[in-house]
Amino acid sequence: MPEFDDAFGVAIVYDVYPADNPRGVVQILHGVGEHAGRYARLAQALAAAGFTVYADDHRGHGRTGLEQHVGDHAR
Protein backbone atom coordinates (compact mmCIF):
# COMPACT_ATOMS: atom_id res chain seq x y z
CA MET A 1 0.00 0.00 0.00
CA PRO A 2 1.89 3.07 -1.19
CA GLU A 3 1.73 6.29 0.77
CA PHE A 4 3.41 9.65 1.19
CA ASP A 5 3.47 12.18 4.03
CA ASP A 6 1.69 15.46 3.39
CA ALA A 7 2.99 18.86 4.56
CA PHE A 8 1.51 18.21 8.02
CA GLY A 9 3.02 14.74 8.43
CA VAL A 10 -0.22 12.84 7.69
CA ALA A 11 0.39 9.62 5.74
CA ILE A 12 -1.75 9.78 2.58
CA VAL A 13 -2.55 6.31 1.23
CA TYR A 14 -3.04 5.87 -2.51
CA ASP A 15 -3.47 3.23 -5.21
CA VAL A 16 -1.65 2.98 -8.53
CA TYR A 17 -3.12 1.22 -11.56
CA PRO A 18 -0.28 1.06 -14.09
CA ALA A 19 -0.92 0.83 -17.82
CA ASP A 20 1.30 -1.47 -19.87
CA ASN A 21 2.13 1.21 -22.44
CA PRO A 22 0.88 4.43 -20.84
CA ARG A 23 -0.38 7.21 -23.05
CA GLY A 24 -1.36 9.45 -20.16
CA VAL A 25 -1.93 9.74 -16.41
CA VAL A 26 -5.23 10.19 -14.57
CA GLN A 27 -5.62 11.29 -10.94
CA ILE A 28 -8.95 10.23 -9.42
CA LEU A 29 -10.31 12.49 -6.67
CA HIS A 30 -13.12 10.94 -4.64
CA GLY A 31 -16.15 12.78 -3.33
CA VAL A 32 -17.19 13.70 0.20
CA GLY A 33 -17.88 10.62 2.32
CA GLU A 34 -16.14 8.31 -0.15
CA HIS A 35 -12.78 6.64 -0.62
CA ALA A 36 -10.54 5.66 -3.53
CA GLY A 37 -11.62 2.02 -3.44
CA ARG A 38 -15.06 2.96 -4.75
CA TYR A 39 -13.42 3.92 -8.04
CA ALA A 40 -11.44 0.69 -8.57
CA ARG A 41 -13.52 -0.46 -11.57
CA LEU A 42 -13.11 2.92 -13.27
CA ALA A 43 -9.37 2.91 -12.54
CA GLN A 44 -9.01 -0.61 -13.96
CA ALA A 45 -10.89 0.36 -17.12
CA LEU A 46 -8.73 3.45 -17.58
CA ALA A 47 -5.56 1.41 -17.07
CA ALA A 48 -6.77 -1.11 -19.67
CA ALA A 49 -7.31 1.84 -22.05
CA GLY A 50 -3.70 2.95 -21.62
CA PHE A 51 -3.82 5.41 -18.73
CA THR A 52 -1.80 5.01 -15.54
CA VAL A 53 -4.16 5.91 -12.70
CA TYR A 54 -3.49 7.28 -9.22
CA ALA A 55 -6.28 7.41 -6.62
CA ASP A 56 -5.67 8.61 -3.07
CA ASP A 57 -7.75 8.44 0.08
CA HIS A 58 -7.98 12.06 1.21
CA ARG A 59 -7.29 13.08 4.81
CA GLY A 60 -9.94 11.59 7.08
CA HIS A 61 -11.19 9.18 4.38
CA GLY A 62 -10.65 5.48 3.66
CA ARG A 63 -7.30 4.00 4.60
CA THR A 64 -5.77 7.43 5.21
CA GLY A 65 -8.50 8.15 7.76
CA LEU A 66 -8.02 4.77 9.42
CA GLU A 67 -4.32 5.49 9.88
CA GLN A 68 -5.12 8.97 11.23
CA HIS A 69 -7.62 7.54 13.72
CA VAL A 70 -5.67 4.41 14.66
CA GLY A 71 -8.09 2.05 12.92
CA ASP A 72 -11.26 3.47 14.54
CA HIS A 73 -13.94 2.98 11.84
CA ALA A 74 -16.40 5.08 13.85
CA ARG A 75 -14.33 8.23 13.27
PDB file of N, CA and C in Angstrom:
ATOM      1  N   MET A   1       0.860  -1.177   0.000  1.00  0.00           N
ATOM      2  CA  MET A   1       0.000   0.000   0.000  1.00  0.00           C
ATOM      3  C   MET A   1       0.903   1.235   0.000  1.00  0.00           C
ATOM      4  N   PRO A   2       1.027   1.900  -1.133  1.00  0.00           N
ATOM      5  CA  PRO A   2       1.894   3.073  -1.195  1.00  0.00           C
ATOM      6  C   PRO A   2       1.293   4.258  -0.435  1.00  0.00           C
ATOM      7  N   GLU A   3       2.171   5.085   0.069  1.00  0.00           N
ATOM      8  CA  GLU A   3       1.733   6.289   0.773  1.00  0.00           C
ATOM      9  C   GLU A   3       2.841   7.327   0.737  1.00  0.00           C
ATOM     10  N   PHE A   4       2.451   8.566   1.036  1.00  0.00           N
ATOM     11  CA  PHE A   4       3.413   9.652   1.191  1.00  0.00           C
ATOM     12  C   PHE A   4       2.938  10.525   2.333  1.00  0.00           C
ATOM     13  N   ASP A   5       3.837  11.272   2.940  1.00  0.00           N
ATOM     14  CA  ASP A   5       3.475  12.181   4.028  1.00  0.00           C
ATOM     15  C   ASP A   5       3.181  13.557   3.453  1.00  0.00           C
ATOM     16  N   ASP A   6       2.026  14.123   3.853  1.00  0.00           N
ATOM     17  CA  ASP A   6       1.692  15.465   3.386  1.00  0.00           C
ATOM     18  C   ASP A   6       2.484  16.503   4.177  1.00  0.00           C
ATOM     19  N   ALA A   7       2.240  17.770   3.913  1.00  0.00           N
ATOM     20  CA  ALA A   7       2.994  18.855   4.557  1.00  0.00           C
ATOM     21  C   ALA A   7       2.820  18.895   6.071  1.00  0.00           C
ATOM     22  N   PHE A   8       1.768  18.224   6.585  1.00  0.00           N
ATOM     23  CA  PHE A   8       1.510  18.213   8.024  1.00  0.00           C
ATOM     24  C   PHE A   8       1.905  16.888   8.665  1.00  0.00           C
ATOM     25  N   GLY A   9       2.558  16.018   7.896  1.00  0.00           N
ATOM     26  CA  GLY A   9       3.016  14.738   8.431  1.00  0.00           C
ATOM     27  C   GLY A   9       1.970  13.637   8.419  1.00  0.00           C
ATOM     28  N   VAL A  10       0.820  13.868   7.776  1.00  0.00           N
ATOM     29  CA  VAL A  10      -0.217  12.843   7.688  1.00  0.00           C
ATOM     30  C   VAL A  10       0.124  11.912   6.528  1.00  0.00           C
ATOM     31  N   ALA A  11       0.113  10.610   6.785  1.00  0.00           N
ATOM     32  CA  ALA A  11       0.387   9.623   5.744  1.00  0.00           C
ATOM     33  C   ALA A  11      -0.836   9.496   4.842  1.00  0.00           C
ATOM     34  N   ILE A  12      -0.678   9.861   3.576  1.00  0.00           N
ATOM     35  CA  ILE A  12      -1.751   9.778   2.584  1.00  0.00           C
ATOM     36  C   ILE A  12      -1.585   8.470   1.815  1.00  0.00           C
ATOM     37  N   VAL A  13      -2.587   7.609   1.896  1.00  0.00           N
ATOM     38  CA  VAL A  13      -2.547   6.310   1.231  1.00  0.00           C
ATOM     39  C   VAL A  13      -3.139   6.450  -0.166  1.00  0.00           C
ATOM     40  N   TYR A  14      -2.523   5.773  -1.141  1.00  0.00           N
ATOM     41  CA  TYR A  14      -3.035   5.867  -2.507  1.00  0.00           C
ATOM     42  C   TYR A  14      -2.851   4.551  -3.240  1.00  0.00           C
ATOM     43  N   ASP A  15      -3.567   4.403  -4.350  1.00  0.00           N
ATOM     44  CA  ASP A  15      -3.471   3.235  -5.213  1.00  0.00           C
ATOM     45  C   ASP A  15      -2.888   3.664  -6.547  1.00  0.00           C
ATOM     46  N   VAL A  16      -2.183   2.748  -7.190  1.00  0.00           N
ATOM     47  CA  VAL A  16      -1.652   2.975  -8.529  1.00  0.00           C
ATOM     48  C   VAL A  16      -2.134   1.829  -9.414  1.00  0.00           C
ATOM     49  N   TYR A  17      -2.689   2.186 -10.554  1.00  0.00           N
ATOM     50  CA  TYR A  17      -3.119   1.219 -11.556  1.00  0.00           C
ATOM     51  C   TYR A  17      -2.281   1.495 -12.802  1.00  0.00           C
ATOM     52  N   PRO A  18      -1.168   0.767 -12.968  1.00  0.00           N
ATOM     53  CA  PRO A  18      -0.278   1.063 -14.089  1.00  0.00           C
ATOM     54  C   PRO A  18      -0.811   0.525 -15.418  1.00  0.00           C
ATOM     55  N   ALA A  19      -0.603   1.278 -16.459  1.00  0.00           N
ATOM     56  CA  ALA A  19      -0.924   0.829 -17.815  1.00  0.00           C
ATOM     57  C   ALA A  19       0.336   0.193 -18.398  1.00  0.00           C
ATOM     58  N   ASP A  20       0.155  -0.796 -19.251  1.00  0.00           N
ATOM     59  CA  ASP A  20       1.304  -1.466 -19.865  1.00  0.00           C
ATOM     60  C   ASP A  20       2.127  -0.511 -20.723  1.00  0.00           C
ATOM     61  N   ASN A  21       1.478   0.218 -21.593  1.00  0.00           N
ATOM     62  CA  ASN A  21       2.132   1.214 -22.441  1.00  0.00           C
ATOM     63  C   ASN A  21       1.388   2.532 -22.254  1.00  0.00           C
ATOM     64  N   PRO A  22       1.691   3.253 -21.170  1.00  0.00           N
ATOM     65  CA  PRO A  22       0.876   4.431 -20.837  1.00  0.00           C
ATOM     66  C   PRO A  22       0.906   5.522 -21.898  1.00  0.00           C
ATOM     67  N   ARG A  23      -0.276   6.064 -22.128  1.00  0.00           N
ATOM     68  CA  ARG A  23      -0.384   7.211 -23.048  1.00  0.00           C
ATOM     69  C   ARG A  23      -0.804   8.464 -22.299  1.00  0.00           C
ATOM     70  N   GLY A  24      -0.998   8.317 -20.993  1.00  0.00           N
ATOM     71  CA  GLY A  24      -1.363   9.445 -20.155  1.00  0.00           C
ATOM     72  C   GLY A  24      -1.516   9.004 -18.712  1.00  0.00           C
ATOM     73  N   VAL A  25      -1.753   9.985 -17.847  1.00  0.00           N
ATOM     74  CA  VAL A  25      -1.934   9.742 -16.412  1.00  0.00           C
ATOM     75  C   VAL A  25      -3.234  10.384 -15.970  1.00  0.00           C
ATOM     76  N   VAL A  26      -3.979   9.679 -15.119  1.00  0.00           N
ATOM     77  CA  VAL A  26      -5.232  10.189 -14.565  1.00  0.00           C
ATOM     78  C   VAL A  26      -5.131  10.156 -13.044  1.00  0.00           C
ATOM     79  N   GLN A  27      -5.531  11.235 -12.400  1.00  0.00           N
ATOM     80  CA  GLN A  27      -5.624  11.294 -10.939  1.00  0.00           C
ATOM     81  C   GLN A  27      -7.103  11.306 -10.582  1.00  0.00           C
ATOM     82  N   ILE A  28      -7.555  10.296  -9.845  1.00  0.00           N
ATOM     83  CA  ILE A  28      -8.955  10.232  -9.416  1.00  0.00           C
ATOM     84  C   ILE A  28      -9.075  10.897  -8.052  1.00  0.00           C
ATOM     85  N   LEU A  29     -10.011  11.820  -7.940  1.00  0.00           N
ATOM     86  CA  LEU A  29     -10.311  12.489  -6.673  1.00  0.00           C
ATOM     87  C   LEU A  29     -11.710  12.078  -6.246  1.00  0.00           C
ATOM     88  N   HIS A  30     -11.811  11.419  -5.090  1.00  0.00           N
ATOM     89  CA  HIS A  30     -13.123  10.943  -4.643  1.00  0.00           C
ATOM     90  C   HIS A  30     -13.950  12.064  -4.040  1.00  0.00           C
ATOM     91  N   GLY A  31     -15.230  11.802  -3.895  1.00  0.00           N
ATOM     92  CA  GLY A  31     -16.153  12.785  -3.334  1.00  0.00           C
ATOM     93  C   GLY A  31     -16.197  12.752  -1.818  1.00  0.00           C
ATOM     94  N   VAL A  32     -17.021  13.614  -1.259  1.00  0.00           N
ATOM     95  CA  VAL A  32     -17.194  13.697   0.197  1.00  0.00           C
ATOM     96  C   VAL A  32     -17.832  12.399   0.687  1.00  0.00           C
ATOM     97  N   GLY A  33     -17.320  11.841   1.749  1.00  0.00           N
ATOM     98  CA  GLY A  33     -17.877  10.624   2.321  1.00  0.00           C
ATOM     99  C   GLY A  33     -17.519   9.375   1.538  1.00  0.00           C
ATOM    100  N   GLU A  34     -16.546   9.461   0.640  1.00  0.00           N
ATOM    101  CA  GLU A  34     -16.140   8.311  -0.153  1.00  0.00           C
ATOM    102  C   GLU A  34     -14.673   7.999   0.083  1.00  0.00           C
ATOM    103  N   HIS A  35     -14.182   7.029  -0.679  1.00  0.00           N
ATOM    104  CA  HIS A  35     -12.777   6.637  -0.616  1.00  0.00           C
ATOM    105  C   HIS A  35     -12.362   6.133  -1.988  1.00  0.00           C
ATOM    106  N   ALA A  36     -11.072   6.022  -2.214  1.00  0.00           N
ATOM    107  CA  ALA A  36     -10.541   5.659  -3.532  1.00  0.00           C
ATOM    108  C   ALA A  36     -11.011   4.286  -3.998  1.00  0.00           C
ATOM    109  N   GLY A  37     -11.219   3.371  -3.079  1.00  0.00           N
ATOM    110  CA  GLY A  37     -11.623   2.022  -3.441  1.00  0.00           C
ATOM    111  C   GLY A  37     -12.926   1.952  -4.212  1.00  0.00           C
ATOM    112  N   ARG A  38     -13.788   2.948  -4.029  1.00  0.00           N
ATOM    113  CA  ARG A  38     -15.062   2.958  -4.750  1.00  0.00           C
ATOM    114  C   ARG A  38     -14.884   3.204  -6.243  1.00  0.00           C
ATOM    115  N   TYR A  39     -13.694   3.607  -6.646  1.00  0.00           N
ATOM    116  CA  TYR A  39     -13.416   3.916  -8.043  1.00  0.00           C
ATOM    117  C   TYR A  39     -12.507   2.873  -8.694  1.00  0.00           C
ATOM    118  N   ALA A  40     -12.352   1.722  -8.072  1.00  0.00           N
ATOM    119  CA  ALA A  40     -11.443   0.693  -8.574  1.00  0.00           C
ATOM    120  C   ALA A  40     -11.823   0.224  -9.978  1.00  0.00           C
ATOM    121  N   ARG A  41     -13.102   0.005 -10.238  1.00  0.00           N
ATOM    122  CA  ARG A  41     -13.516  -0.464 -11.569  1.00  0.00           C
ATOM    123  C   ARG A  41     -13.200   0.582 -12.642  1.00  0.00           C
ATOM    124  N   LEU A  42     -13.441   1.845 -12.334  1.00  0.00           N
ATOM    125  CA  LEU A  42     -13.107   2.919 -13.272  1.00  0.00           C
ATOM    126  C   LEU A  42     -11.602   2.956 -13.503  1.00  0.00           C
ATOM    127  N   ALA A  43     -10.831   2.867 -12.424  1.00  0.00           N
ATOM    128  CA  ALA A  43      -9.374   2.909 -12.540  1.00  0.00           C
ATOM    129  C   ALA A  43      -8.858   1.741 -13.371  1.00  0.00           C
ATOM    130  N   GLN A  44      -9.421   0.562 -13.181  1.00  0.00           N
ATOM    131  CA  GLN A  44      -9.010  -0.611 -13.956  1.00  0.00           C
ATOM    132  C   GLN A  44      -9.339  -0.426 -15.435  1.00  0.00           C
ATOM    133  N   ALA A  45     -10.501   0.125 -15.719  1.00  0.00           N
ATOM    134  CA  ALA A  45     -10.890   0.362 -17.120  1.00  0.00           C
ATOM    135  C   ALA A  45      -9.973   1.390 -17.771  1.00  0.00           C
ATOM    136  N   LEU A  46      -9.637   2.436 -17.040  1.00  0.00           N
ATOM    137  CA  LEU A  46      -8.730   3.453 -17.576  1.00  0.00           C
ATOM    138  C   LEU A  46      -7.339   2.866 -17.824  1.00  0.00           C
ATOM    139  N   ALA A  47      -6.870   2.041 -16.899  1.00  0.00           N
ATOM    140  CA  ALA A  47      -5.558   1.407 -17.071  1.00  0.00           C
ATOM    141  C   ALA A  47      -5.566   0.491 -18.294  1.00  0.00           C
ATOM    142  N   ALA A  48      -6.657  -0.236 -18.496  1.00  0.00           N
ATOM    143  CA  ALA A  48      -6.772  -1.109 -19.667  1.00  0.00           C
ATOM    144  C   ALA A  48      -6.790  -0.299 -20.963  1.00  0.00           C
ATOM    145  N   ALA A  49      -7.262   0.956 -20.879  1.00  0.00           N
ATOM    146  CA  ALA A  49      -7.311   1.839 -22.050  1.00  0.00           C
ATOM    147  C   ALA A  49      -6.008   2.608 -22.257  1.00  0.00           C
ATOM    148  N   GLY A  50      -5.009   2.335 -21.411  1.00  0.00           N
ATOM    149  CA  GLY A  50      -3.703   2.947 -21.621  1.00  0.00           C
ATOM    150  C   GLY A  50      -3.344   4.110 -20.717  1.00  0.00           C
ATOM    151  N   PHE A  51      -4.109   4.307 -19.640  1.00  0.00           N
ATOM    152  CA  PHE A  51      -3.816   5.405 -18.726  1.00  0.00           C
ATOM    153  C   PHE A  51      -3.342   4.847 -17.382  1.00  0.00           C
ATOM    154  N   THR A  52      -2.212   5.344 -16.895  1.00  0.00           N
ATOM    155  CA  THR A  52      -1.796   5.013 -15.541  1.00  0.00           C
ATOM    156  C   THR A  52      -2.646   5.863 -14.609  1.00  0.00           C
ATOM    157  N   VAL A  53      -3.202   5.230 -13.576  1.00  0.00           N
ATOM    158  CA  VAL A  53      -4.158   5.908 -12.702  1.00  0.00           C
ATOM    159  C   VAL A  53      -3.630   5.939 -11.265  1.00  0.00           C
ATOM    160  N   TYR A  54      -3.785   7.100 -10.640  1.00  0.00           N
ATOM    161  CA  TYR A  54      -3.487   7.276  -9.216  1.00  0.00           C
ATOM    162  C   TYR A  54      -4.784   7.684  -8.535  1.00  0.00           C
ATOM    163  N   ALA A  55      -5.063   7.081  -7.383  1.00  0.00           N
ATOM    164  CA  ALA A  55      -6.278   7.414  -6.622  1.00  0.00           C
ATOM    165  C   ALA A  55      -5.919   7.396  -5.144  1.00  0.00           C
ATOM    166  N   ASP A  56      -6.028   8.546  -4.495  1.00  0.00           N
ATOM    167  CA  ASP A  56      -5.670   8.610  -3.073  1.00  0.00           C
ATOM    168  C   ASP A  56      -6.907   8.670  -2.194  1.00  0.00           C
ATOM    169  N   ASP A  57      -6.731   8.247  -0.944  1.00  0.00           N
ATOM    170  CA  ASP A  57      -7.753   8.439   0.084  1.00  0.00           C
ATOM    171  C   ASP A  57      -7.398   9.744   0.785  1.00  0.00           C
ATOM    172  N   HIS A  58      -8.252  10.748   0.624  1.00  0.00           N
ATOM    173  CA  HIS A  58      -7.984  12.057   1.211  1.00  0.00           C
ATOM    174  C   HIS A  58      -7.903  11.973   2.738  1.00  0.00           C
ATOM    175  N   ARG A  59      -7.387  13.028   3.340  1.00  0.00           N
ATOM    176  CA  ARG A  59      -7.293  13.077   4.808  1.00  0.00           C
ATOM    177  C   ARG A  59      -8.660  12.828   5.423  1.00  0.00           C
ATOM    178  N   GLY A  60      -8.700  11.914   6.387  1.00  0.00           N
ATOM    179  CA  GLY A  60      -9.945  11.590   7.082  1.00  0.00           C
ATOM    180  C   GLY A  60     -10.822  10.595   6.348  1.00  0.00           C
ATOM    181  N   HIS A  61     -10.387  10.098   5.196  1.00  0.00           N
ATOM    182  CA  HIS A  61     -11.189   9.180   4.381  1.00  0.00           C
ATOM    183  C   HIS A  61     -10.447   7.864   4.159  1.00  0.00           C
ATOM    184  N   GLY A  62     -11.215   6.783   4.019  1.00  0.00           N
ATOM    185  CA  GLY A  62     -10.652   5.477   3.658  1.00  0.00           C
ATOM    186  C   GLY A  62      -9.478   5.067   4.523  1.00  0.00           C
ATOM    187  N   ARG A  63      -8.473   4.510   3.874  1.00  0.00           N
ATOM    188  CA  ARG A  63      -7.304   3.999   4.600  1.00  0.00           C
ATOM    189  C   ARG A  63      -6.483   5.115   5.226  1.00  0.00           C
ATOM    190  N   THR A  64      -6.470   6.293   4.600  1.00  0.00           N
ATOM    191  CA  THR A  64      -5.769   7.431   5.207  1.00  0.00           C
ATOM    192  C   THR A  64      -6.434   7.787   6.528  1.00  0.00           C
ATOM    193  N   GLY A  65      -7.763   7.844   6.535  1.00  0.00           N
ATOM    194  CA  GLY A  65      -8.499   8.153   7.761  1.00  0.00           C
ATOM    195  C   GLY A  65      -8.291   7.103   8.833  1.00  0.00           C
ATOM    196  N   LEU A  66      -8.250   5.837   8.437  1.00  0.00           N
ATOM    197  CA  LEU A  66      -8.025   4.773   9.420  1.00  0.00           C
ATOM    198  C   LEU A  66      -6.664   4.927  10.079  1.00  0.00           C
ATOM    199  N   GLU A  67      -5.646   5.277   9.287  1.00  0.00           N
ATOM    200  CA  GLU A  67      -4.323   5.489   9.883  1.00  0.00           C
ATOM    201  C   GLU A  67      -4.336   6.703  10.797  1.00  0.00           C
ATOM    202  N   GLN A  68      -5.038   7.770  10.400  1.00  0.00           N
ATOM    203  CA  GLN A  68      -5.120   8.972  11.229  1.00  0.00           C
ATOM    204  C   GLN A  68      -5.800   8.684  12.558  1.00  0.00           C
ATOM    205  N   HIS A  69      -6.800   7.801  12.533  1.00  0.00           N
ATOM    206  CA  HIS A  69      -7.619   7.541  13.719  1.00  0.00           C
ATOM    207  C   HIS A  69      -7.343   6.162  14.311  1.00  0.00           C
ATOM    208  N   VAL A  70      -6.159   5.663  14.091  1.00  0.00           N
ATOM    209  CA  VAL A  70      -5.671   4.412  14.661  1.00  0.00           C
ATOM    210  C   VAL A  70      -6.674   3.269  14.469  1.00  0.00           C
ATOM    211  N   GLY A  71      -7.207   3.161  13.263  1.00  0.00           N
ATOM    212  CA  GLY A  71      -8.093   2.053  12.920  1.00  0.00           C
ATOM    213  C   GLY A  71      -9.523   2.154  13.426  1.00  0.00           C
ATOM    214  N   ASP A  72      -9.908   3.302  14.000  1.00  0.00           N
ATOM    215  CA  ASP A  72     -11.264   3.474  14.536  1.00  0.00           C
ATOM    216  C   ASP A  72     -12.236   3.809  13.391  1.00  0.00           C
ATOM    217  N   HIS A  73     -12.989   2.803  12.944  1.00  0.00           N
ATOM    218  CA  HIS A  73     -13.942   2.985  11.837  1.00  0.00           C
ATOM    219  C   HIS A  73     -15.058   3.975  12.177  1.00  0.00           C
ATOM    220  N   ALA A  74     -15.332   4.175  13.432  1.00  0.00           N
ATOM    221  CA  ALA A  74     -16.403   5.083  13.849  1.00  0.00           C
ATOM    222  C   ALA A  74     -16.051   6.556  13.593  1.00  0.00           C
ATOM    223  N   ARG A  75     -14.757   6.851  13.461  1.00  0.00           N
ATOM    224  CA  ARG A  75     -14.332   8.231  13.274  1.00  0.00           C
ATOM    225  C   ARG A  75     -14.212   8.527  11.810  1.00  0.00           C
TER     226      ARG A  75
END
